[in-house]
Amino acid sequence: MKKLLFLITIFFMLAGLGCKSDKTDKTNSISDTLAGYTAKTEDYNLQRDSITIYGTLALPDVECPCNIVLIIAGSGPTDRNGNNNMGLSTDAYKMLADTLASHGYASLRYDKRGIAKSYYKNFNEFDLTFDLYVNDAIEWIKKLKSDTRFSKIIVLGHSEGSLIGMLAVNSTQADAFISVAGPAESADSLISIQISNQSKELGLEVQKYLKKLKKGEIVAVTNSDLKSLFRPSVQPYLISWFKYSPKEEFAKLTVPSLVIQGNTDIQVDYHEAEKLAEANKTSEMKIIEGMNHILKIADKDTLKNTKTYTNPKLPLAKDFCTEIISFLDKL
């Protein structure tokens, strides 16, 4: 059961939303000399609903305006750098920002509302919905559009952030979209499959809850193994999340798009990437050999794979970086 709960915690479960960060983002107000360009970072924040959403803008030493990539983090309390208070320590998004800057691309990554530095006084998980995250992303795009330093806006969403990103792109004038390890099926379907694959009995119980939540109904859960996943305060979020089908939303995209996925991802099967690409025939798809969910090279074995989740020194998969830059260069 520990293995089951670990996978749910990292990918699906929204435990810890509303978590303050116990780390200071030390990437602000510094300069890093990278492969091609010198990158400078600055605080870049968004005012929404009387709260501040905090971000980090990475700017390469190139002539403006330049293209910029908006990086949207995955599920749970994952911060702008790809880390959280629950043991996840990857620096994946920071590494991605560094890679982009070294090739002349600006980037913006941010702590989603209620997470890390974007945690705010009187935060109440009951009030959080998936659509709030989407609307925040839309406002980020608008803000970047109004900034004369930037030309094309490319949205990159990782994991749950993939759906947030594609919904935001479909509601704005963003110029391109990149789905990284994003599911094609709705979240309720994937939760059902993941749990059923590990416990048939538990899977049947979960399906009953998911069916009701899909209809917008609140459920009462007594099973101790499921109480955290379906706690009352997170159910409004789940209800708002389950109504979307990523492959249906992806099919609506009219901008250049890339679907990229690793074949050692133990959280989102790489066949999900194939389903997304099939839904939108104009998109590109790249499967990265040996890359896992946190964008690092890892063995398919679950134990070996998950060990990479706590080693921030591991570099991003080289082919992943190559394909991202190749896509951006063609825009």
C-alpha atoms as a PDB file:
ATOM      1  CA  MET A   1       0.000   0.000   0.000  1.00  0.00           C
ATOM      2  CA  LYS A   2       2.952   2.355   0.547  1.00  0.00           C
ATOM      3  CA  LYS A   3       3.834   2.129  -3.142  1.00  0.00           C
ATOM      4  CA  LEU A   4       0.244   2.912  -4.087  1.00  0.00           C
ATOM      5  CA  LEU A   5       0.019   5.919  -1.812  1.00  0.00           C
ATOM      6  CA  PHE A   6       3.411   7.221  -2.986  1.00  0.00           C
ATOM      7  CA  LEU A   7       2.357   7.281  -6.626  1.00  0.00           C
ATOM      8  CA  ILE A   8      -0.949   8.914  -5.805  1.00  0.00           C
ATOM      9  CA  THR A   9       0.749  11.514  -3.637  1.00  0.00           C
ATOM     10  CA  ILE A  10       3.246  12.552  -6.311  1.00  0.00           C
ATOM     11  CA  PHE A  11       0.889  12.646  -9.289  1.00  0.00           C
ATOM     12  CA  PHE A  12      -2.761  12.745  -8.342  1.00  0.00           C
ATOM     13  CA  MET A  13      -3.269  13.512  -4.698  1.00  0.00           C
ATOM     14  CA  LEU A  14      -3.459  17.185  -3.832  1.00  0.00           C
ATOM     15  CA  ALA A  15      -2.100  16.670  -0.345  1.00  0.00           C
ATOM     16  CA  GLY A  16      -0.276  19.699   0.928  1.00  0.00           C
ATOM     17  CA  LEU A  17      -2.009  22.270  -1.245  1.00  0.00           C
ATOM     18  CA  GLY A  18      -1.767  25.455   0.709  1.00  0.00           C
ATOM     19  CA  CYS A  19       1.722  24.515   1.885  1.00  0.00           C
ATOM     20  CA  LYS A  20       4.200  27.158   2.787  1.00  0.00           C
ATOM     21  CA  SER A  21       7.666  26.583   1.405  1.00  0.00           C
ATOM     22  CA  ASP A  22      10.433  25.654   3.839  1.00  0.00           C
ATOM     23  CA  LYS A  23      12.982  26.709   1.253  1.00  0.00           C
ATOM     24  CA  THR A  24      13.996  30.105  -0.060  1.00  0.00           C
ATOM     25  CA  ASP A  25      14.110  30.494  -3.815  1.00  0.00           C
ATOM     26  CA  LYS A  26      17.767  31.370  -4.263  1.00  0.00           C
ATOM     27  CA  THR A  27      17.496  31.720  -8.015  1.00  0.00           C
ATOM     28  CA  ASN A  28      16.397  35.355  -7.917  1.00  0.00           C
ATOM     29  CA  SER A  29      18.703  38.330  -8.463  1.00  0.00           C
ATOM     30  CA  ILE A  30      21.608  36.251  -9.755  1.00  0.00           C
ATOM     31  CA  SER A  31      23.426  35.665 -13.001  1.00  0.00           C
ATOM     32  CA  ASP A  32      24.424  32.241 -14.302  1.00  0.00           C
ATOM     33  CA  THR A  33      26.864  31.776 -17.136  1.00  0.00           C
ATOM     34  CA  LEU A  34      25.373  29.076 -19.347  1.00  0.00           C
ATOM     35  CA  ALA A  35      26.409  27.319 -22.534  1.00  0.00           C
ATOM     36  CA  GLY A  36      25.476  30.071 -24.945  1.00  0.00           C
ATOM     37  CA  TYR A  37      24.212  33.141 -23.086  1.00  0.00           C
ATOM     38  CA  THR A  38      24.384  34.786 -19.703  1.00  0.00           C
ATOM     39  CA  ALA A  39      21.034  34.434 -17.927  1.00  0.00           C
ATOM     40  CA  LYS A  40      19.687  36.942 -15.438  1.00  0.00           C
ATOM     41  CA  THR A  41      16.668  36.351 -13.242  1.00  0.00           C
ATOM     42  CA  GLU A  42      14.215  38.703 -11.643  1.00  0.00           C
ATOM     43  CA  ASP A  43      11.060  38.514  -9.564  1.00  0.00           C
ATOM     44  CA  TYR A  44       7.971  38.595 -11.762  1.00  0.00           C
ATOM     45  CA  ASN A  45       4.681  38.534  -9.915  1.00  0.00           C
ATOM     46  CA  LEU A  46       0.970  38.487 -10.713  1.00  0.00           C
ATOM     47  CA  GLN A  47      -1.783  40.165  -8.685  1.00  0.00           C
ATOM     48  CA  ARG A  48      -4.984  38.086  -8.714  1.00  0.00           C
ATOM     49  CA  ASP A  49      -8.016  38.080  -6.434  1.00  0.00           C
ATOM     50  CA  SER A  50      -6.228  40.213  -3.825  1.00  0.00           C
ATOM     51  CA  ILE A  51      -3.336  37.751  -3.648  1.00  0.00           C
ATOM     52  CA  THR A  52       0.142  37.683  -5.146  1.00  0.00           C
ATOM     53  CA  ILE A  53       1.347  34.784  -7.264  1.00  0.00           C
ATOM     54  CA  TYR A  54       5.136  34.750  -7.265  1.00  0.00           C
ATOM     55  CA  GLY A  55       7.283  33.868 -10.253  1.00  0.00           C
ATOM     56  CA  THR A  56      10.839  33.888 -11.516  1.00  0.00           C
ATOM     57  CA  LEU A  57      11.649  35.419 -14.879  1.00  0.00           C
ATOM     58  CA  ALA A  58      14.827  34.140 -16.546  1.00  0.00           C
ATOM     59  CA  LEU A  59      16.203  36.459 -19.215  1.00  0.00           C
ATOM     60  CA  PRO A  60      19.014  35.531 -21.587  1.00  0.00           C
ATOM     61  CA  ASP A  61      21.433  38.225 -22.699  1.00  0.00           C
ATOM     62  CA  VAL A  62      19.852  38.622 -26.136  1.00  0.00           C
ATOM     63  CA  GLU A  63      18.272  41.479 -28.015  1.00  0.00           C
ATOM     64  CA  CYS A  64      14.642  42.102 -27.112  1.00  0.00           C
ATOM     65  CA  PRO A  65      11.965  41.254 -27.917  1.00  0.00           C
ATOM     66  CA  CYS A  66      12.623  37.540 -27.507  1.00  0.00           C
ATOM     67  CA  ASN A  67      10.400  34.475 -27.268  1.00  0.00           C
ATOM     68  CA  ILE A  68       9.396  33.342 -23.797  1.00  0.00           C
ATOM     69  CA  VAL A  69       8.242  30.000 -22.375  1.00  0.00           C
ATOM     70  CA  LEU A  70       5.681  29.940 -19.567  1.00  0.00           C
ATOM     71  CA  ILE A  71       6.399  26.836 -17.456  1.00  0.00           C
ATOM     72  CA  ILE A  72       3.383  25.423 -15.590  1.00  0.00           C
ATOM     73  CA  ALA A  73       4.157  22.952 -12.805  1.00  0.00           C
ATOM     74  CA  GLY A  74       2.546  19.590 -12.200  1.00  0.00           C
ATOM     75  CA  SER A  75       0.122  18.521  -9.471  1.00  0.00           C
ATOM     76  CA  GLY A  76       0.329  18.770  -5.720  1.00  0.00           C
ATOM     77  CA  PRO A  77       2.443  21.339  -3.851  1.00  0.00           C
ATOM     78  CA  THR A  78       5.169  21.376  -6.496  1.00  0.00           C
ATOM     79  CA  ASP A  79       6.909  24.743  -6.610  1.00  0.00           C
ATOM     80  CA  ARG A  80       8.387  26.753  -9.469  1.00  0.00           C
ATOM     81  CA  ASN A  81      11.659  24.809  -9.349  1.00  0.00           C
ATOM     82  CA  GLY A  82      10.121  21.327  -9.370  1.00  0.00           C
ATOM     83  CA  ASN A  83      10.342  20.622  -5.632  1.00  0.00           C
ATOM     84  CA  ASN A  84       7.931  20.281  -2.726  1.00  0.00           C
ATOM     85  CA  ASN A  85       7.764  19.730   1.024  1.00  0.00           C
ATOM     86  CA  MET A  86       6.760  16.099   0.621  1.00  0.00           C
ATOM     87  CA  GLY A  87      10.175  14.838  -0.437  1.00  0.00           C
ATOM     88  CA  LEU A  88      10.245  15.821  -4.104  1.00  0.00           C
ATOM     89  CA  SER A  89      13.607  17.448  -4.866  1.00  0.00           C
ATOM     90  CA  THR A  90      14.377  17.641  -8.581  1.00  0.00           C
ATOM     91  CA  ASP A  91      15.119  21.240  -9.622  1.00  0.00           C
ATOM     92  CA  ALA A  92      13.692  20.110 -12.971  1.00  0.00           C
ATOM     93  CA  TYR A  93      11.965  23.393 -13.841  1.00  0.00           C
ATOM     94  CA  LYS A  94      14.958  25.473 -12.813  1.00  0.00           C
ATOM     95  CA  MET A  95      17.169  23.280 -15.002  1.00  0.00           C
ATOM     96  CA  LEU A  96      14.716  23.702 -17.862  1.00  0.00           C
ATOM     97  CA  ALA A  97      14.795  27.482 -17.432  1.00  0.00           C
ATOM     98  CA  ASP A  98      18.601  27.401 -17.494  1.00  0.00           C
ATOM     99  CA  THR A  99      18.580  25.296 -20.645  1.00  0.00           C
ATOM    100  CA  LEU A 100      16.157  27.634 -22.369  1.00  0.00           C
ATOM    101  CA  ALA A 101      18.196  30.676 -21.423  1.00  0.00           C
ATOM    102  CA  SER A 102      21.400  29.124 -22.708  1.00  0.00           C
ATOM    103  CA  HIS A 103      19.743  28.895 -26.122  1.00  0.00           C
ATOM    104  CA  GLY A 104      18.390  32.432 -26.085  1.00  0.00           C
ATOM    105  CA  TYR A 105      14.871  31.808 -24.774  1.00  0.00           C
ATOM    106  CA  ALA A 106      13.358  33.612 -21.814  1.00  0.00           C
ATOM    107  CA  SER A 107      11.140  31.729 -19.375  1.00  0.00           C
ATOM    108  CA  LEU A 108       8.730  32.319 -16.537  1.00  0.00           C
ATOM    109  CA  ARG A 109       8.062  29.732 -13.862  1.00  0.00           C
ATOM    110  CA  TYR A 110       5.855  30.340 -10.849  1.00  0.00           C
ATOM    111  CA  ASP A 111       4.493  28.978  -7.604  1.00  0.00           C
ATOM    112  CA  LYS A 112       0.824  28.235  -8.163  1.00  0.00           C
ATOM    113  CA  ARG A 113      -1.612  29.916  -5.785  1.00  0.00           C
ATOM    114  CA  GLY A 114      -1.505  28.469  -2.301  1.00  0.00           C
ATOM    115  CA  ILE A 115       1.882  26.831  -2.905  1.00  0.00           C
ATOM    116  CA  ALA A 116       5.342  27.761  -1.609  1.00  0.00           C
ATOM    117  CA  LYS A 117       5.829  31.557  -1.739  1.00  0.00           C
ATOM    118  CA  SER A 118       2.356  31.980  -3.276  1.00  0.00           C
ATOM    119  CA  TYR A 119       0.817  30.643  -0.080  1.00  0.00           C
ATOM    120  CA  TYR A 120      -1.391  33.332   1.403  1.00  0.00           C
ATOM    121  CA  LYS A 121      -3.046  34.121   4.704  1.00  0.00           C
ATOM    122  CA  ASN A 122      -6.452  32.516   5.218  1.00  0.00           C
ATOM    123  CA  PHE A 123      -5.868  30.014   2.409  1.00  0.00           C
ATOM    124  CA  ASN A 124      -8.697  27.494   2.406  1.00  0.00           C
ATOM    125  CA  GLU A 125      -8.394  24.342   0.322  1.00  0.00           C
ATOM    126  CA  PHE A 126     -12.195  24.220   0.008  1.00  0.00           C
ATOM    127  CA  ASP A 127     -12.028  27.343  -2.158  1.00  0.00           C
ATOM    128  CA  LEU A 128      -9.474  25.974  -4.616  1.00  0.00           C
ATOM    129  CA  THR A 129     -10.659  24.714  -8.004  1.00  0.00           C
ATOM    130  CA  PHE A 130      -8.880  23.556 -11.137  1.00  0.00           C
ATOM    131  CA  ASP A 131     -10.394  26.477 -13.039  1.00  0.00           C
ATOM    132  CA  LEU A 132      -8.639  28.933 -10.730  1.00  0.00           C
ATOM    133  CA  TYR A 133      -5.308  27.499 -11.859  1.00  0.00           C
ATOM    134  CA  VAL A 134      -6.403  27.803 -15.492  1.00  0.00           C
ATOM    135  CA  ASN A 135      -7.501  31.409 -15.020  1.00  0.00           C
ATOM    136  CA  ASP A 136      -4.198  32.232 -13.331  1.00  0.00           C
ATOM    137  CA  ALA A 137      -2.329  30.817 -16.327  1.00  0.00           C
ATOM    138  CA  ILE A 138      -4.508  32.898 -18.654  1.00  0.00           C
ATOM    139  CA  GLU A 139      -3.614  36.041 -16.712  1.00  0.00           C
ATOM    140  CA  TRP A 140       0.096  35.165 -16.853  1.00  0.00           C
ATOM    141  CA  ILE A 141      -0.158  34.893 -20.638  1.00  0.00           C
ATOM    142  CA  LYS A 142      -1.896  38.268 -20.837  1.00  0.00           C
ATOM    143  CA  LYS A 143       0.780  39.835 -18.650  1.00  0.00           C
ATOM    144  CA  LEU A 144       3.567  38.435 -20.820  1.00  0.00           C
ATOM    145  CA  LYS A 145       1.740  39.601 -23.949  1.00  0.00           C
ATOM    146  CA  SER A 146       1.724  43.143 -22.594  1.00  0.00           C
ATOM    147  CA  ASP A 147       5.459  43.057 -21.789  1.00  0.00           C
ATOM    148  CA  THR A 148       7.334  44.585 -24.734  1.00  0.00           C
ATOM    149  CA  ARG A 149      10.422  42.517 -23.970  1.00  0.00           C
ATOM    150  CA  PHE A 150       8.695  39.422 -25.329  1.00  0.00           C
ATOM    151  CA  SER A 151       7.432  38.403 -28.738  1.00  0.00           C
ATOM    152  CA  LYS A 152       6.045  34.876 -29.020  1.00  0.00           C
ATOM    153  CA  ILE A 153       4.535  33.254 -25.920  1.00  0.00           C
ATOM    154  CA  ILE A 154       5.009  29.491 -25.694  1.00  0.00           C
ATOM    155  CA  VAL A 155       3.165  27.634 -22.935  1.00  0.00           C
ATOM    156  CA  LEU A 156       4.778  24.495 -21.514  1.00  0.00           C
ATOM    157  CA  GLY A 157       2.730  22.413 -19.095  1.00  0.00           C
ATOM    158  CA  HIS A 158       4.124  19.457 -17.178  1.00  0.00           C
ATOM    159  CA  SER A 159       1.907  16.597 -15.971  1.00  0.00           C
ATOM    160  CA  GLU A 160      -1.302  18.175 -14.582  1.00  0.00           C
ATOM    161  CA  GLY A 161       0.094  21.475 -15.866  1.00  0.00           C
ATOM    162  CA  SER A 162      -0.329  20.170 -19.402  1.00  0.00           C
ATOM    163  CA  LEU A 163      -4.130  20.362 -19.163  1.00  0.00           C
ATOM    164  CA  ILE A 164      -3.952  23.728 -17.403  1.00  0.00           C
ATOM    165  CA  GLY A 165      -1.715  24.975 -20.205  1.00  0.00           C
ATOM    166  CA  MET A 166      -3.796  23.770 -23.125  1.00  0.00           C
ATOM    167  CA  LEU A 167      -6.964  25.232 -21.613  1.00  0.00           C
ATOM    168  CA  ALA A 168      -5.186  28.552 -21.124  1.00  0.00           C
ATOM    169  CA  VAL A 169      -3.853  28.511 -24.690  1.00  0.00           C
ATOM    170  CA  ASN A 170      -7.325  27.822 -26.051  1.00  0.00           C
ATOM    171  CA  SER A 171      -8.559  30.933 -24.227  1.00  0.00           C
ATOM    172  CA  THR A 172      -5.754  33.319 -25.204  1.00  0.00           C
ATOM    173  CA  GLN A 173      -3.506  34.297 -28.058  1.00  0.00           C
ATOM    174  CA  ALA A 174      -0.482  32.249 -27.020  1.00  0.00           C
ATOM    175  CA  ASP A 175       1.697  31.242 -29.952  1.00  0.00           C
ATOM    176  CA  ALA A 176       2.576  27.600 -29.245  1.00  0.00           C
ATOM    177  CA  PHE A 177       2.090  24.818 -26.727  1.00  0.00           C
ATOM    178  CA  ILE A 178       4.255  22.022 -25.311  1.00  0.00           C
ATOM    179  CA  SER A 179       2.773  19.132 -23.338  1.00  0.00           C
ATOM    180  CA  VAL A 180       5.356  17.402 -21.154  1.00  0.00           C
ATOM    181  CA  ALA A 181       4.288  14.079 -19.610  1.00  0.00           C
ATOM    182  CA  GLY A 182       0.680  15.150 -19.871  1.00  0.00           C
ATOM    183  CA  PRO A 183      -2.203  12.657 -19.652  1.00  0.00           C
ATOM    184  CA  ALA A 184      -4.662  12.247 -22.515  1.00  0.00           C
ATOM    185  CA  GLU A 185      -7.460  10.712 -20.464  1.00  0.00           C
ATOM    186  CA  SER A 186      -9.447  12.556 -17.810  1.00  0.00           C
ATOM    187  CA  ALA A 187      -7.999  12.534 -14.310  1.00  0.00           C
ATOM    188  CA  ASP A 188     -10.725  10.328 -12.878  1.00  0.00           C
ATOM    189  CA  SER A 189     -10.034   7.660 -15.505  1.00  0.00           C
ATOM    190  CA  LEU A 190      -6.323   7.649 -14.733  1.00  0.00           C
ATOM    191  CA  ILE A 191      -6.862   7.508 -10.984  1.00  0.00           C
ATOM    192  CA  SER A 192      -9.172   4.529 -11.468  1.00  0.00           C
ATOM    193  CA  ILE A 193      -6.667   2.722 -13.687  1.00  0.00           C
ATOM    194  CA  GLN A 194      -3.710   3.422 -11.420  1.00  0.00           C
ATOM    195  CA  ILE A 195      -5.405   2.162  -8.287  1.00  0.00           C
ATOM    196  CA  SER A 196      -7.127  -0.796  -9.973  1.00  0.00           C
ATOM    197  CA  ASN A 197      -3.801  -1.989 -11.375  1.00  0.00           C
ATOM    198  CA  GLN A 198      -2.457  -2.312  -7.857  1.00  0.00           C
ATOM    199  CA  SER A 199      -5.561  -3.360  -5.950  1.00  0.00           C
ATOM    200  CA  LYS A 200      -8.654  -4.669  -7.720  1.00  0.00           C
ATOM    201  CA  GLU A 201     -10.735  -4.458  -4.553  1.00  0.00           C
ATOM    202  CA  LEU A 202      -9.700  -0.885  -3.818  1.00  0.00           C
ATOM    203  CA  GLY A 203     -10.172  -0.011  -7.472  1.00  0.00           C
ATOM    204  CA  LEU A 204     -13.814  -1.038  -7.390  1.00  0.00           C
ATOM    205  CA  GLU A 205     -14.408   1.103  -4.317  1.00  0.00           C
ATOM    206  CA  VAL A 206     -12.655   4.090  -5.883  1.00  0.00           C
ATOM    207  CA  GLN A 207     -14.729   3.805  -9.058  1.00  0.00           C
ATOM    208  CA  LYS A 208     -17.894   4.375  -7.012  1.00  0.00           C
ATOM    209  CA  TYR A 209     -16.476   7.578  -5.557  1.00  0.00           C
ATOM    210  CA  LEU A 210     -15.185   8.786  -8.916  1.00  0.00           C
ATOM    211  CA  LYS A 211     -18.542   8.223 -10.586  1.00  0.00           C
ATOM    212  CA  LYS A 212     -20.265  10.455  -8.045  1.00  0.00           C
ATOM    213  CA  LEU A 213     -17.594  13.138  -8.154  1.00  0.00           C
ATOM    214  CA  LYS A 214     -17.797  13.148 -11.949  1.00  0.00           C
ATOM    215  CA  LYS A 215     -21.479  14.058 -11.527  1.00  0.00           C
ATOM    216  CA  GLY A 216     -20.561  16.860  -9.134  1.00  0.00           C
ATOM    217  CA  GLU A 217     -21.637  15.001  -6.008  1.00  0.00           C
ATOM    218  CA  ILE A 218     -19.722  15.099  -2.710  1.00  0.00           C
ATOM    219  CA  VAL A 219     -18.771  11.662  -1.341  1.00  0.00           C
ATOM    220  CA  ALA A 220     -18.247  10.294   2.169  1.00  0.00           C
ATOM    221  CA  VAL A 221     -15.147   8.091   2.399  1.00  0.00           C
ATOM    222  CA  THR A 222     -14.526   5.750   5.317  1.00  0.00           C
ATOM    223  CA  ASN A 223     -11.609   3.707   3.966  1.00  0.00           C
ATOM    224  CA  SER A 224      -8.454   4.948   5.717  1.00  0.00           C
ATOM    225  CA  ASP A 225      -6.341   4.245   2.613  1.00  0.00           C
ATOM    226  CA  LEU A 226      -8.459   6.668   0.586  1.00  0.00           C
ATOM    227  CA  LYS A 227      -9.415   9.358   3.093  1.00  0.00           C
ATOM    228  CA  SER A 228      -6.553  11.654   2.209  1.00  0.00           C
ATOM    229  CA  LEU A 229      -7.071  11.390  -1.540  1.00  0.00           C
ATOM    230  CA  PHE A 230     -10.817  12.066  -1.217  1.00  0.00           C
ATOM    231  CA  ARG A 231     -10.789  14.343   1.824  1.00  0.00           C
ATOM    232  CA  PRO A 232     -13.760  16.764   1.868  1.00  0.00           C
ATOM    233  CA  SER A 233     -11.631  19.869   1.334  1.00  0.00           C
ATOM    234  CA  VAL A 234     -10.173  18.595  -1.942  1.00  0.00           C
ATOM    235  CA  GLN A 235     -13.399  17.295  -3.470  1.00  0.00           C
ATOM    236  CA  PRO A 236     -14.407  20.655  -5.022  1.00  0.00           C
ATOM    237  CA  TYR A 237     -11.062  20.638  -6.816  1.00  0.00           C
ATOM    238  CA  LEU A 238     -11.508  17.065  -8.023  1.00  0.00           C
ATOM    239  CA  ILE A 239     -15.020  17.811  -9.304  1.00  0.00           C
ATOM    240  CA  SER A 240     -13.770  20.803 -11.278  1.00  0.00           C
ATOM    241  CA  TRP A 241     -10.796  18.797 -12.608  1.00  0.00           C
ATOM    242  CA  PHE A 242     -12.702  15.676 -13.679  1.00  0.00           C
ATOM    243  CA  LYS A 243     -14.939  17.554 -16.115  1.00  0.00           C
ATOM    244  CA  TYR A 244     -12.078  18.009 -18.586  1.00  0.00           C
ATOM    245  CA  SER A 245     -10.760  15.524 -21.135  1.00  0.00           C
ATOM    246  CA  PRO A 246      -7.181  16.480 -22.112  1.00  0.00           C
ATOM    247  CA  LYS A 247      -7.357  14.798 -25.515  1.00  0.00           C
ATOM    248  CA  GLU A 248     -10.566  16.679 -26.328  1.00  0.00           C
ATOM    249  CA  GLU A 249      -9.019  19.987 -25.284  1.00  0.00           C
ATOM    250  CA  PHE A 250      -5.813  19.217 -27.157  1.00  0.00           C
ATOM    251  CA  ALA A 251      -7.813  18.567 -30.311  1.00  0.00           C
ATOM    252  CA  LYS A 252      -9.038  22.178 -30.173  1.00  0.00           C
ATOM    253  CA  LEU A 253      -5.538  23.673 -30.365  1.00  0.00           C
ATOM    254  CA  THR A 254      -4.764  25.592 -33.544  1.00  0.00           C
ATOM    255  CA  VAL A 255      -1.239  26.712 -32.625  1.00  0.00           C
ATOM    256  CA  PRO A 256       1.979  24.690 -33.203  1.00  0.00           C
ATOM    257  CA  SER A 257       2.178  22.049 -30.500  1.00  0.00           C
ATOM    258  CA  LEU A 258       4.596  19.416 -29.238  1.00  0.00           C
ATOM    259  CA  VAL A 259       3.798  16.344 -27.159  1.00  0.00           C
ATOM    260  CA  ILE A 260       6.874  15.014 -25.392  1.00  0.00           C
ATOM    261  CA  GLN A 261       7.066  12.063 -23.012  1.00  0.00           C
ATOM    262  CA  GLY A 262       9.564   9.606 -21.551  1.00  0.00           C
ATOM    263  CA  ASN A 263       9.159   5.847 -21.877  1.00  0.00           C
ATOM    264  CA  THR A 264      10.246   5.117 -18.292  1.00  0.00           C
ATOM    265  CA  ASP A 265       7.568   7.348 -16.782  1.00  0.00           C
ATOM    266  CA  ILE A 266       5.910   5.353 -13.984  1.00  0.00           C
ATOM    267  CA  GLN A 267       3.204   7.964 -13.396  1.00  0.00           C
ATOM    268  CA  VAL A 268       1.919   8.717 -16.884  1.00  0.00           C
ATOM    269  CA  ASP A 269       2.315   5.930 -19.434  1.00  0.00           C
ATOM    270  CA  TYR A 270       3.936   7.098 -22.654  1.00  0.00           C
ATOM    271  CA  HIS A 271       0.941   5.784 -24.579  1.00  0.00           C
ATOM    272  CA  GLU A 272      -0.896   8.831 -23.214  1.00  0.00           C
ATOM    273  CA  ALA A 273       1.368  10.943 -25.434  1.00  0.00           C
ATOM    274  CA  GLU A 274       0.350   8.862 -28.419  1.00  0.00           C
ATOM    275  CA  LYS A 275      -3.326   9.452 -27.623  1.00  0.00           C
ATOM    276  CA  LEU A 276      -2.791  13.203 -27.411  1.00  0.00           C
ATOM    277  CA  ALA A 277      -0.930  13.301 -30.703  1.00  0.00           C
ATOM    278  CA  GLU A 278      -3.663  11.220 -32.326  1.00  0.00           C
ATOM    279  CA  ALA A 279      -6.250  13.753 -31.143  1.00  0.00           C
ATOM    280  CA  ASN A 280      -4.469  16.597 -32.928  1.00  0.00           C
ATOM    281  CA  LYS A 281      -2.838  15.469 -36.165  1.00  0.00           C
ATOM    282  CA  THR A 282      -1.012  18.776 -36.635  1.00  0.00           C
ATOM    283  CA  SER A 283       1.014  18.275 -33.447  1.00  0.00           C
ATOM    284  CA  GLU A 284       4.484  16.805 -33.160  1.00  0.00           C
ATOM    285  CA  MET A 285       5.238  13.916 -30.795  1.00  0.00           C
ATOM    286  CA  LYS A 286       8.568  12.855 -29.321  1.00  0.00           C
ATOM    287  CA  ILE A 287       9.125   9.853 -27.044  1.00  0.00           C
ATOM    288  CA  ILE A 288      12.345  10.193 -25.059  1.00  0.00           C
ATOM    289  CA  GLU A 289      14.186   6.939 -24.436  1.00  0.00           C
ATOM    290  CA  GLY A 290      14.845   6.327 -20.738  1.00  0.00           C
ATOM    291  CA  MET A 291      13.231   9.544 -19.437  1.00  0.00           C
ATOM    292  CA  ASN A 292      10.928   9.384 -16.426  1.00  0.00           C
ATOM    293  CA  HIS A 293       8.209  11.690 -15.109  1.00  0.00           C
ATOM    294  CA  ILE A 294      10.585  14.245 -13.592  1.00  0.00           C
ATOM    295  CA  LEU A 295      12.452  14.514 -16.919  1.00  0.00           C
ATOM    296  CA  LYS A 296      15.549  12.611 -15.791  1.00  0.00           C
ATOM    297  CA  ILE A 297      17.070   9.408 -17.146  1.00  0.00           C
ATOM    298  CA  ALA A 298      15.877   6.515 -14.999  1.00  0.00           C
ATOM    299  CA  ASP A 299      15.343   2.772 -14.946  1.00  0.00           C
ATOM    300  CA  LYS A 300      11.803   1.476 -15.449  1.00  0.00           C
ATOM    301  CA  ASP A 301      12.037  -0.336 -12.109  1.00  0.00           C
ATOM    302  CA  THR A 302       9.825   1.561  -9.663  1.00  0.00           C
ATOM    303  CA  LEU A 303      12.306   1.637  -6.765  1.00  0.00           C
ATOM    304  CA  LYS A 304      15.222   2.786  -8.919  1.00  0.00           C
ATOM    305  CA  ASN A 305      12.998   5.239 -10.748  1.00  0.00           C
ATOM    306  CA  THR A 306      11.662   6.923  -7.638  1.00  0.00           C
ATOM    307  CA  LYS A 307      15.151   7.378  -6.208  1.00  0.00           C
ATOM    308  CA  THR A 308      15.708  10.030  -8.858  1.00  0.00           C
ATOM    309  CA  TYR A 309      12.883  12.070  -7.307  1.00  0.00           C
ATOM    310  CA  THR A 310      15.149  13.055  -4.417  1.00  0.00           C
ATOM    311  CA  ASN A 311      18.368  13.788  -6.295  1.00  0.00           C
ATOM    312  CA  PRO A 312      18.337  17.351  -7.657  1.00  0.00           C
ATOM    313  CA  LYS A 313      21.872  16.967  -9.010  1.00  0.00           C
ATOM    314  CA  LEU A 314      20.732  14.635 -11.782  1.00  0.00           C
ATOM    315  CA  PRO A 315      20.601  16.533 -15.103  1.00  0.00           C
ATOM    316  CA  LEU A 316      17.609  16.672 -17.385  1.00  0.00           C
ATOM    317  CA  ALA A 317      17.493  14.024 -20.093  1.00  0.00           C
ATOM    318  CA  LYS A 318      19.707  15.344 -22.900  1.00  0.00           C
ATOM    319  CA  ASP A 319      17.358  14.320 -25.717  1.00  0.00           C
ATOM    320  CA  PHE A 320      14.473  16.043 -23.939  1.00  0.00           C
ATOM    321  CA  CYS A 321      16.344  19.345 -23.978  1.00  0.00           C
ATOM    322  CA  THR A 322      17.360  18.833 -27.595  1.00  0.00           C
ATOM    323  CA  GLU A 323      13.782  18.242 -28.752  1.00  0.00           C
ATOM    324  CA  ILE A 324      12.402  21.217 -26.801  1.00  0.00           C
ATOM    325  CA  ILE A 325      14.961  23.580 -28.325  1.00  0.00           C
ATOM    326  CA  SER A 326      14.446  22.103 -31.782  1.00  0.00           C
ATOM    327  CA  PHE A 327      10.701  22.774 -31.559  1.00  0.00           C
ATOM    328  CA  LEU A 328      11.233  26.335 -30.356  1.00  0.00           C
ATOM    329  CA  ASP A 329      13.767  27.059 -33.070  1.00  0.00           C
ATOM    330  CA  LYS A 330      11.168  26.267 -35.730  1.00  0.00           C
ATOM    331  CA  LEU A 331       8.608  28.776 -34.458  1.00  0.00           C
END
